[in-house]
Amino acid sequence: MALDELKSAIPDFAKDLKLNLGSVIGNSELPQQQLWGTVLACAIASRSPIVLRELEPEAKANLSAEAYTAAKSAAAVMAMNNVFYRTRHLLSDPEYGTLRAGLRMNVIGKPGVEKIDFELWSLAVSAINGCGQCLDSHEQVLRKAGVDRETIQEAVKIASVIQAVGVTLESEAVLAE
């Protein structure tokens, strides 16, 4: 199992990450599609080849072809949106917020899976990419759809652990060179 291999690659000084990785994936109460879509989108967003290589096969095995594509789409569109909207938010000139974005984001309206799942994956990727405006937007859509805070926090926990594992393993790979 790739998850076990990934956990065994985590160094002893990051034991908490090893435990948390097993917990947020292995003990998650999210439905399988929400869980593995979040895992895949976050593995992509982590930019860690090690993490993506280890988690993608299991995610693919646990997702329908449509959900697999949608999770990859969430990571892709949020990579763009998080930079764009975070930048607009950080610029001190409020006029940027009034300008038309002019960027294609059709997949958000028609993701090929339940809208809630796509929104959850988009929120998790936005957590990794640090876009407060996108986090607020996706959280509001999820809450209006009846998703509870615990489910949203579960996705954020997955994002945080996957990101931390990616950073740790990539830094260790560089230091080992």
N, C-alpha and C. Protein backbone atom coordinates (compact mmCIF):
# COMPACT_ATOMS: atom_id res chain seq x y z
N MET A 1 0.84 -1.18 0.00
CA MET A 1 0.00 0.00 0.00
C MET A 1 0.89 1.24 0.00
N ALA A 2 0.61 2.18 -0.87
CA ALA A 2 1.42 3.37 -1.03
C ALA A 2 1.38 4.27 0.21
N LEU A 3 0.26 4.33 0.90
CA LEU A 3 0.16 5.15 2.10
C LEU A 3 1.16 4.67 3.15
N ASP A 4 1.27 3.36 3.31
CA ASP A 4 2.23 2.82 4.27
C ASP A 4 3.66 3.15 3.86
N GLU A 5 3.95 3.08 2.57
CA GLU A 5 5.29 3.42 2.09
C GLU A 5 5.59 4.89 2.34
N LEU A 6 4.61 5.74 2.11
CA LEU A 6 4.80 7.16 2.35
C LEU A 6 5.04 7.43 3.83
N LYS A 7 4.26 6.78 4.69
CA LYS A 7 4.45 6.94 6.13
C LYS A 7 5.84 6.47 6.56
N SER A 8 6.30 5.37 5.98
CA SER A 8 7.61 4.84 6.38
C SER A 8 8.75 5.73 5.89
N ALA A 9 8.50 6.56 4.91
CA ALA A 9 9.53 7.48 4.40
C ALA A 9 9.68 8.72 5.27
N ILE A 10 8.72 8.97 6.13
CA ILE A 10 8.76 10.16 6.98
C ILE A 10 9.79 9.93 8.09
N PRO A 11 10.74 10.88 8.23
CA PRO A 11 11.79 10.70 9.23
C PRO A 11 11.26 10.76 10.67
N ASP A 12 12.04 10.20 11.57
CA ASP A 12 11.63 10.12 12.98
C ASP A 12 11.35 11.49 13.59
N PHE A 13 12.10 12.52 13.16
CA PHE A 13 11.88 13.84 13.77
C PHE A 13 10.50 14.40 13.43
N ALA A 14 9.85 13.81 12.42
CA ALA A 14 8.51 14.25 12.00
C ALA A 14 7.47 13.16 12.31
N LYS A 15 7.66 12.47 13.41
CA LYS A 15 6.76 11.38 13.79
C LYS A 15 5.30 11.82 13.84
N ASP A 16 5.06 13.06 14.29
CA ASP A 16 3.69 13.57 14.36
C ASP A 16 3.04 13.56 12.97
N LEU A 17 3.82 13.89 11.95
CA LEU A 17 3.27 13.87 10.59
C LEU A 17 2.89 12.46 10.17
N LYS A 18 3.73 11.51 10.53
CA LYS A 18 3.44 10.10 10.21
C LYS A 18 2.13 9.67 10.86
N LEU A 19 1.99 10.00 12.12
CA LEU A 19 0.76 9.66 12.85
C LEU A 19 -0.45 10.39 12.26
N ASN A 20 -0.28 11.67 11.98
CA ASN A 20 -1.38 12.46 11.43
C ASN A 20 -1.77 12.01 10.03
N LEU A 21 -0.80 11.63 9.22
CA LEU A 21 -1.11 11.15 7.87
C LEU A 21 -1.99 9.91 7.94
N GLY A 22 -1.60 8.98 8.79
CA GLY A 22 -2.40 7.77 8.96
C GLY A 22 -3.79 8.07 9.48
N SER A 23 -3.87 9.05 10.37
CA SER A 23 -5.15 9.40 10.98
C SER A 23 -6.07 10.14 10.01
N VAL A 24 -5.57 11.18 9.34
CA VAL A 24 -6.47 11.98 8.50
C VAL A 24 -6.95 11.22 7.27
N ILE A 25 -6.17 10.24 6.83
CA ILE A 25 -6.62 9.43 5.69
C ILE A 25 -7.27 8.15 6.18
N GLY A 26 -6.61 7.45 7.07
CA GLY A 26 -7.10 6.15 7.51
C GLY A 26 -8.33 6.19 8.41
N ASN A 27 -8.50 7.28 9.14
CA ASN A 27 -9.62 7.38 10.07
C ASN A 27 -10.62 8.46 9.68
N SER A 28 -10.56 8.91 8.47
CA SER A 28 -11.45 9.98 8.04
C SER A 28 -12.90 9.51 8.00
N GLU A 29 -13.78 10.41 8.38
CA GLU A 29 -15.21 10.12 8.29
C GLU A 29 -15.82 10.65 6.99
N LEU A 30 -14.98 11.23 6.14
CA LEU A 30 -15.49 11.70 4.85
C LEU A 30 -15.88 10.50 3.99
N PRO A 31 -16.90 10.65 3.16
CA PRO A 31 -17.19 9.60 2.18
C PRO A 31 -15.97 9.38 1.27
N GLN A 32 -15.83 8.20 0.72
CA GLN A 32 -14.65 7.84 -0.07
C GLN A 32 -14.34 8.85 -1.17
N GLN A 33 -15.34 9.30 -1.90
CA GLN A 33 -15.08 10.22 -2.99
C GLN A 33 -14.55 11.56 -2.46
N GLN A 34 -15.15 12.07 -1.40
CA GLN A 34 -14.66 13.33 -0.83
C GLN A 34 -13.24 13.15 -0.29
N LEU A 35 -13.01 12.06 0.40
CA LEU A 35 -11.69 11.79 0.97
C LEU A 35 -10.62 11.72 -0.11
N TRP A 36 -10.80 10.81 -1.06
CA TRP A 36 -9.74 10.57 -2.04
C TRP A 36 -9.61 11.68 -3.06
N GLY A 37 -10.70 12.40 -3.32
CA GLY A 37 -10.59 13.59 -4.16
C GLY A 37 -9.78 14.67 -3.46
N THR A 38 -10.01 14.83 -2.15
CA THR A 38 -9.23 15.79 -1.36
C THR A 38 -7.77 15.38 -1.34
N VAL A 39 -7.51 14.10 -1.11
CA VAL A 39 -6.13 13.61 -1.07
C VAL A 39 -5.44 13.87 -2.40
N LEU A 40 -6.08 13.54 -3.51
CA LEU A 40 -5.45 13.72 -4.82
C LEU A 40 -5.23 15.20 -5.12
N ALA A 41 -6.24 16.03 -4.94
CA ALA A 41 -6.09 17.46 -5.23
C ALA A 41 -4.98 18.07 -4.37
N CYS A 42 -4.91 17.67 -3.11
CA CYS A 42 -3.89 18.20 -2.21
C CYS A 42 -2.50 17.66 -2.54
N ALA A 43 -2.42 16.41 -2.95
CA ALA A 43 -1.12 15.85 -3.36
C ALA A 43 -0.58 16.63 -4.57
N ILE A 44 -1.45 16.96 -5.50
CA ILE A 44 -1.04 17.76 -6.65
C ILE A 44 -0.62 19.15 -6.18
N ALA A 45 -1.44 19.78 -5.34
CA ALA A 45 -1.16 21.14 -4.88
C ALA A 45 0.11 21.21 -4.03
N SER A 46 0.49 20.11 -3.40
CA SER A 46 1.70 20.11 -2.56
C SER A 46 2.97 20.27 -3.39
N ARG A 47 2.86 20.00 -4.68
CA ARG A 47 4.00 20.09 -5.60
C ARG A 47 5.12 19.11 -5.25
N SER A 48 4.82 18.11 -4.48
CA SER A 48 5.81 17.12 -4.08
C SER A 48 5.70 15.88 -4.96
N PRO A 49 6.69 15.63 -5.80
CA PRO A 49 6.64 14.42 -6.62
C PRO A 49 6.53 13.14 -5.79
N ILE A 50 7.19 13.13 -4.65
CA ILE A 50 7.15 11.94 -3.78
C ILE A 50 5.72 11.69 -3.29
N VAL A 51 5.09 12.72 -2.76
CA VAL A 51 3.74 12.59 -2.23
C VAL A 51 2.77 12.21 -3.34
N LEU A 52 2.85 12.88 -4.46
CA LEU A 52 1.94 12.59 -5.56
C LEU A 52 2.15 11.17 -6.08
N ARG A 53 3.37 10.78 -6.26
CA ARG A 53 3.67 9.43 -6.77
C ARG A 53 3.13 8.34 -5.85
N GLU A 54 3.19 8.57 -4.53
CA GLU A 54 2.73 7.56 -3.58
C GLU A 54 1.21 7.56 -3.38
N LEU A 55 0.58 8.73 -3.41
CA LEU A 55 -0.85 8.79 -3.11
C LEU A 55 -1.76 8.68 -4.34
N GLU A 56 -1.28 9.04 -5.50
CA GLU A 56 -2.12 9.03 -6.71
C GLU A 56 -2.69 7.66 -7.04
N PRO A 57 -1.90 6.57 -7.01
CA PRO A 57 -2.48 5.27 -7.38
C PRO A 57 -3.66 4.86 -6.49
N GLU A 58 -3.53 5.12 -5.18
CA GLU A 58 -4.61 4.76 -4.27
C GLU A 58 -5.83 5.66 -4.48
N ALA A 59 -5.57 6.93 -4.74
CA ALA A 59 -6.68 7.85 -5.05
C ALA A 59 -7.40 7.40 -6.31
N LYS A 60 -6.64 7.06 -7.32
CA LYS A 60 -7.23 6.61 -8.59
C LYS A 60 -8.06 5.35 -8.40
N ALA A 61 -7.58 4.45 -7.55
CA ALA A 61 -8.30 3.20 -7.29
C ALA A 61 -9.60 3.43 -6.52
N ASN A 62 -9.67 4.54 -5.76
CA ASN A 62 -10.84 4.81 -4.93
C ASN A 62 -11.80 5.83 -5.53
N LEU A 63 -11.48 6.34 -6.71
CA LEU A 63 -12.33 7.35 -7.36
C LEU A 63 -12.84 6.83 -8.69
N SER A 64 -14.02 7.27 -9.07
CA SER A 64 -14.49 7.01 -10.43
C SER A 64 -13.62 7.82 -11.38
N ALA A 65 -13.66 7.49 -12.65
CA ALA A 65 -12.89 8.24 -13.64
C ALA A 65 -13.29 9.72 -13.62
N GLU A 66 -14.59 9.98 -13.44
CA GLU A 66 -15.07 11.37 -13.42
C GLU A 66 -14.54 12.11 -12.18
N ALA A 67 -14.57 11.46 -11.03
CA ALA A 67 -14.09 12.09 -9.80
C ALA A 67 -12.58 12.30 -9.85
N TYR A 68 -11.86 11.35 -10.42
CA TYR A 68 -10.40 11.48 -10.56
C TYR A 68 -10.07 12.71 -11.41
N THR A 69 -10.76 12.85 -12.53
CA THR A 69 -10.54 14.01 -13.40
C THR A 69 -10.96 15.30 -12.70
N ALA A 70 -12.07 15.27 -11.99
CA ALA A 70 -12.56 16.47 -11.30
C ALA A 70 -11.59 16.91 -10.21
N ALA A 71 -11.01 15.98 -9.47
CA ALA A 71 -10.04 16.34 -8.43
C ALA A 71 -8.81 16.98 -9.05
N LYS A 72 -8.35 16.44 -10.16
CA LYS A 72 -7.23 17.05 -10.87
C LYS A 72 -7.62 18.42 -11.40
N SER A 73 -8.86 18.56 -11.85
CA SER A 73 -9.35 19.86 -12.34
C SER A 73 -9.40 20.88 -11.21
N ALA A 74 -9.82 20.45 -10.02
CA ALA A 74 -9.86 21.36 -8.87
C ALA A 74 -8.46 21.88 -8.55
N ALA A 75 -7.48 20.99 -8.56
CA ALA A 75 -6.10 21.42 -8.29
C ALA A 75 -5.62 22.39 -9.36
N ALA A 76 -5.97 22.12 -10.61
CA ALA A 76 -5.51 22.98 -11.72
C ALA A 76 -6.15 24.36 -11.67
N VAL A 77 -7.47 24.41 -11.56
CA VAL A 77 -8.14 25.71 -11.60
C VAL A 77 -7.82 26.52 -10.35
N MET A 78 -7.65 25.86 -9.22
CA MET A 78 -7.33 26.61 -8.02
C MET A 78 -5.87 27.08 -8.02
N ALA A 79 -4.99 26.39 -8.71
CA ALA A 79 -3.62 26.89 -8.85
C ALA A 79 -3.64 28.27 -9.52
N MET A 80 -4.51 28.44 -10.48
CA MET A 80 -4.68 29.73 -11.15
C MET A 80 -5.44 30.71 -10.26
N ASN A 81 -6.61 30.31 -9.79
CA ASN A 81 -7.46 31.22 -9.02
C ASN A 81 -6.80 31.69 -7.73
N ASN A 82 -6.10 30.80 -7.06
CA ASN A 82 -5.49 31.19 -5.79
C ASN A 82 -4.44 32.29 -5.98
N VAL A 83 -3.68 32.21 -7.05
CA VAL A 83 -2.71 33.27 -7.32
C VAL A 83 -3.44 34.56 -7.69
N PHE A 84 -4.42 34.46 -8.57
CA PHE A 84 -5.13 35.65 -9.04
C PHE A 84 -5.87 36.35 -7.90
N TYR A 85 -6.71 35.61 -7.18
CA TYR A 85 -7.52 36.23 -6.14
C TYR A 85 -6.71 36.62 -4.90
N ARG A 86 -5.69 35.86 -4.58
CA ARG A 86 -4.82 36.24 -3.47
C ARG A 86 -4.10 37.55 -3.80
N THR A 87 -3.65 37.68 -5.02
CA THR A 87 -2.97 38.91 -5.44
C THR A 87 -3.91 40.10 -5.41
N ARG A 88 -5.11 39.94 -5.94
CA ARG A 88 -6.09 41.04 -5.89
C ARG A 88 -6.36 41.45 -4.45
N HIS A 89 -6.44 40.48 -3.59
CA HIS A 89 -6.71 40.77 -2.18
C HIS A 89 -5.52 41.48 -1.52
N LEU A 90 -4.31 41.11 -1.88
CA LEU A 90 -3.13 41.67 -1.23
C LEU A 90 -2.73 43.04 -1.77
N LEU A 91 -3.12 43.34 -3.00
CA LEU A 91 -2.80 44.66 -3.54
C LEU A 91 -3.55 45.73 -2.75
N SER A 92 -2.87 46.81 -2.44
CA SER A 92 -3.51 47.85 -1.63
C SER A 92 -4.51 48.69 -2.42
N ASP A 93 -4.46 48.64 -3.73
CA ASP A 93 -5.39 49.40 -4.56
C ASP A 93 -6.69 48.61 -4.73
N PRO A 94 -7.80 49.05 -4.11
CA PRO A 94 -9.06 48.30 -4.16
C PRO A 94 -9.69 48.27 -5.56
N GLU A 95 -9.22 49.09 -6.46
CA GLU A 95 -9.77 49.11 -7.82
C GLU A 95 -9.59 47.76 -8.53
N TYR A 96 -8.53 47.01 -8.19
CA TYR A 96 -8.32 45.71 -8.82
C TYR A 96 -9.48 44.77 -8.55
N GLY A 97 -10.09 44.92 -7.40
CA GLY A 97 -11.24 44.09 -7.03
C GLY A 97 -12.48 44.38 -7.86
N THR A 98 -12.51 45.51 -8.55
CA THR A 98 -13.66 45.87 -9.38
C THR A 98 -13.48 45.47 -10.83
N LEU A 99 -12.26 45.09 -11.20
CA LEU A 99 -11.99 44.72 -12.59
C LEU A 99 -12.47 43.30 -12.88
N ARG A 100 -12.92 43.09 -14.09
CA ARG A 100 -13.35 41.77 -14.53
C ARG A 100 -12.16 40.82 -14.55
N ALA A 101 -12.33 39.63 -14.01
CA ALA A 101 -11.24 38.66 -13.98
C ALA A 101 -10.83 38.25 -15.39
N GLY A 102 -11.79 37.91 -16.22
CA GLY A 102 -11.49 37.53 -17.59
C GLY A 102 -10.73 36.21 -17.71
N LEU A 103 -10.86 35.35 -16.73
CA LEU A 103 -10.21 34.04 -16.75
C LEU A 103 -11.27 32.96 -16.86
N ARG A 104 -11.01 31.97 -17.65
CA ARG A 104 -11.94 30.85 -17.80
C ARG A 104 -11.89 29.96 -16.57
N MET A 105 -13.07 29.67 -16.03
CA MET A 105 -13.21 28.81 -14.85
C MET A 105 -14.44 27.93 -15.00
N ASN A 106 -14.71 27.48 -16.21
CA ASN A 106 -15.92 26.73 -16.50
C ASN A 106 -16.07 25.47 -15.65
N VAL A 107 -14.96 24.86 -15.29
CA VAL A 107 -15.02 23.61 -14.55
C VAL A 107 -15.69 23.79 -13.18
N ILE A 108 -15.62 24.98 -12.62
CA ILE A 108 -16.26 25.22 -11.32
C ILE A 108 -17.77 25.08 -11.45
N GLY A 109 -18.33 25.54 -12.55
CA GLY A 109 -19.77 25.45 -12.76
C GLY A 109 -20.24 24.07 -13.18
N LYS A 110 -19.35 23.32 -13.81
CA LYS A 110 -19.71 21.98 -14.30
C LYS A 110 -18.52 21.03 -14.11
N PRO A 111 -18.30 20.61 -12.84
CA PRO A 111 -17.10 19.83 -12.55
C PRO A 111 -17.16 18.34 -12.91
N GLY A 112 -18.34 17.83 -13.19
CA GLY A 112 -18.46 16.40 -13.50
C GLY A 112 -18.71 15.52 -12.29
N VAL A 113 -18.77 16.13 -11.11
CA VAL A 113 -19.10 15.43 -9.86
C VAL A 113 -20.04 16.34 -9.07
N GLU A 114 -20.48 15.85 -7.92
CA GLU A 114 -21.32 16.68 -7.05
C GLU A 114 -20.59 17.99 -6.74
N LYS A 115 -21.32 19.07 -6.81
CA LYS A 115 -20.75 20.40 -6.58
C LYS A 115 -20.08 20.49 -5.20
N ILE A 116 -20.69 19.89 -4.19
CA ILE A 116 -20.12 19.92 -2.84
C ILE A 116 -18.73 19.29 -2.82
N ASP A 117 -18.56 18.17 -3.50
CA ASP A 117 -17.25 17.52 -3.51
C ASP A 117 -16.21 18.43 -4.14
N PHE A 118 -16.54 19.00 -5.29
CA PHE A 118 -15.61 19.89 -5.98
C PHE A 118 -15.28 21.11 -5.13
N GLU A 119 -16.26 21.66 -4.48
CA GLU A 119 -16.04 22.83 -3.61
C GLU A 119 -15.12 22.46 -2.44
N LEU A 120 -15.30 21.27 -1.87
CA LEU A 120 -14.46 20.82 -0.77
C LEU A 120 -13.01 20.68 -1.22
N TRP A 121 -12.82 20.08 -2.40
CA TRP A 121 -11.47 19.92 -2.94
C TRP A 121 -10.85 21.28 -3.23
N SER A 122 -11.65 22.19 -3.75
CA SER A 122 -11.15 23.54 -4.05
C SER A 122 -10.76 24.27 -2.77
N LEU A 123 -11.54 24.10 -1.72
CA LEU A 123 -11.21 24.70 -0.44
C LEU A 123 -9.90 24.15 0.10
N ALA A 124 -9.71 22.84 0.02
CA ALA A 124 -8.49 22.22 0.53
C ALA A 124 -7.26 22.71 -0.23
N VAL A 125 -7.36 22.81 -1.54
CA VAL A 125 -6.25 23.32 -2.35
C VAL A 125 -5.99 24.78 -2.00
N SER A 126 -7.05 25.55 -1.79
CA SER A 126 -6.90 26.96 -1.42
C SER A 126 -6.20 27.11 -0.08
N ALA A 127 -6.41 26.16 0.83
CA ALA A 127 -5.71 26.19 2.12
C ALA A 127 -4.22 26.02 1.89
N ILE A 128 -3.84 25.08 1.04
CA ILE A 128 -2.42 24.87 0.73
C ILE A 128 -1.83 26.10 0.07
N ASN A 129 -2.56 26.69 -0.84
CA ASN A 129 -2.05 27.83 -1.60
C ASN A 129 -2.22 29.16 -0.87
N GLY A 130 -2.89 29.15 0.27
CA GLY A 130 -2.97 30.33 1.11
C GLY A 130 -3.78 31.49 0.55
N CYS A 131 -4.89 31.20 -0.08
CA CYS A 131 -5.75 32.26 -0.62
C CYS A 131 -6.97 32.43 0.28
N GLY A 132 -6.94 33.46 1.11
CA GLY A 132 -8.04 33.71 2.03
C GLY A 132 -9.35 34.00 1.34
N GLN A 133 -9.29 34.73 0.24
CA GLN A 133 -10.53 35.05 -0.48
C GLN A 133 -11.17 33.79 -1.04
N CYS A 134 -10.38 32.89 -1.58
CA CYS A 134 -10.91 31.64 -2.11
C CYS A 134 -11.42 30.74 -0.97
N LEU A 135 -10.68 30.71 0.13
CA LEU A 135 -11.14 29.93 1.29
C LEU A 135 -12.51 30.40 1.74
N ASP A 136 -12.66 31.70 1.90
CA ASP A 136 -13.95 32.25 2.32
C ASP A 136 -15.05 31.91 1.32
N SER A 137 -14.76 32.07 0.05
CA SER A 137 -15.77 31.82 -0.99
C SER A 137 -16.23 30.37 -0.99
N HIS A 138 -15.29 29.43 -0.97
CA HIS A 138 -15.65 28.00 -1.00
C HIS A 138 -16.31 27.56 0.30
N GLU A 139 -15.85 28.11 1.41
CA GLU A 139 -16.45 27.77 2.70
C GLU A 139 -17.91 28.24 2.74
N GLN A 140 -18.17 29.42 2.22
CA GLN A 140 -19.55 29.94 2.21
C GLN A 140 -20.46 29.09 1.34
N VAL A 141 -19.97 28.66 0.18
CA VAL A 141 -20.76 27.79 -0.70
C VAL A 141 -21.06 26.47 0.02
N LEU A 142 -20.06 25.91 0.66
CA LEU A 142 -20.24 24.64 1.37
C LEU A 142 -21.22 24.79 2.53
N ARG A 143 -21.09 25.84 3.30
CA ARG A 143 -21.99 26.05 4.45
C ARG A 143 -23.42 26.27 3.98
N LYS A 144 -23.61 27.03 2.89
CA LYS A 144 -24.96 27.25 2.35
C LYS A 144 -25.57 25.95 1.85
N ALA A 145 -24.72 25.02 1.43
CA ALA A 145 -25.21 23.73 0.96
C ALA A 145 -25.44 22.75 2.11
N GLY A 146 -25.21 23.21 3.35
CA GLY A 146 -25.48 22.36 4.50
C GLY A 146 -24.30 21.55 5.00
N VAL A 147 -23.11 21.80 4.47
CA VAL A 147 -21.93 21.07 4.93
C VAL A 147 -21.52 21.64 6.28
N ASP A 148 -21.27 20.74 7.25
CA ASP A 148 -20.92 21.20 8.59
C ASP A 148 -19.45 21.59 8.70
N ARG A 149 -19.14 22.34 9.72
CA ARG A 149 -17.78 22.84 9.93
C ARG A 149 -16.79 21.69 10.13
N GLU A 150 -17.25 20.60 10.74
CA GLU A 150 -16.36 19.46 10.97
C GLU A 150 -15.88 18.86 9.65
N THR A 151 -16.76 18.78 8.66
CA THR A 151 -16.38 18.25 7.34
C THR A 151 -15.37 19.18 6.67
N ILE A 152 -15.63 20.47 6.76
CA ILE A 152 -14.71 21.45 6.17
C ILE A 152 -13.36 21.37 6.86
N GLN A 153 -13.38 21.29 8.18
CA GLN A 153 -12.12 21.19 8.91
C GLN A 153 -11.38 19.90 8.57
N GLU A 154 -12.12 18.82 8.33
CA GLU A 154 -11.49 17.56 7.95
C GLU A 154 -10.69 17.72 6.66
N ALA A 155 -11.26 18.42 5.68
CA ALA A 155 -10.55 18.66 4.42
C ALA A 155 -9.31 19.52 4.65
N VAL A 156 -9.42 20.51 5.52
CA VAL A 156 -8.28 21.38 5.82
C VAL A 156 -7.18 20.60 6.55
N LYS A 157 -7.57 19.69 7.43
CA LYS A 157 -6.59 18.85 8.12
C LYS A 157 -5.84 17.97 7.11
N ILE A 158 -6.56 17.39 6.17
CA ILE A 158 -5.92 16.58 5.13
C ILE A 158 -4.93 17.44 4.35
N ALA A 159 -5.36 18.64 3.96
CA ALA A 159 -4.49 19.55 3.20
C ALA A 159 -3.23 19.88 4.00
N SER A 160 -3.40 20.20 5.27
CA SER A 160 -2.25 20.61 6.07
C SER A 160 -1.25 19.48 6.26
N VAL A 161 -1.75 18.28 6.48
CA VAL A 161 -0.84 17.15 6.69
C VAL A 161 -0.14 16.77 5.38
N ILE A 162 -0.87 16.71 4.30
CA ILE A 162 -0.24 16.37 3.02
C ILE A 162 0.81 17.40 2.64
N GLN A 163 0.51 18.67 2.84
CA GLN A 163 1.49 19.72 2.56
C GLN A 163 2.73 19.57 3.44
N ALA A 164 2.54 19.32 4.71
CA ALA A 164 3.66 19.18 5.63
C ALA A 164 4.51 17.96 5.28
N VAL A 165 3.88 16.86 4.92
CA VAL A 165 4.62 15.66 4.52
C VAL A 165 5.44 15.96 3.25
N GLY A 166 4.82 16.64 2.30
CA GLY A 166 5.55 16.99 1.08
C GLY A 166 6.76 17.86 1.35
N VAL A 167 6.59 18.89 2.17
CA VAL A 167 7.70 19.78 2.50
C VAL A 167 8.81 19.00 3.20
N THR A 168 8.44 18.17 4.14
CA THR A 168 9.43 17.40 4.91
C THR A 168 10.19 16.43 4.02
N LEU A 169 9.49 15.67 3.20
CA LEU A 169 10.17 14.67 2.36
C LEU A 169 11.01 15.33 1.27
N GLU A 170 10.54 16.42 0.72
CA GLU A 170 11.33 17.12 -0.31
C GLU A 170 12.58 17.73 0.30
N SER A 171 12.47 18.31 1.48
CA SER A 171 13.65 18.90 2.10
C SER A 171 14.66 17.81 2.48
N GLU A 172 14.17 16.68 2.94
CA GLU A 172 15.07 15.58 3.27
C GLU A 172 15.77 15.04 2.01
N ALA A 173 15.06 15.00 0.90
CA ALA A 173 15.66 14.54 -0.35
C ALA A 173 16.78 15.49 -0.80
N VAL A 174 16.56 16.77 -0.63
CA VAL A 174 17.61 17.75 -0.98
C VAL A 174 18.81 17.61 -0.05
N LEU A 175 18.54 17.47 1.23
CA LEU A 175 19.65 17.34 2.19
C LEU A 175 20.44 16.06 2.02
N ALA A 176 19.81 15.04 1.46
CA ALA A 176 20.50 13.75 1.24
C ALA A 176 21.40 13.76 0.02
N GLU A 177 21.25 14.77 -0.82
CA GLU A 177 22.05 14.82 -2.07
C GLU A 177 23.50 15.07 -1.79
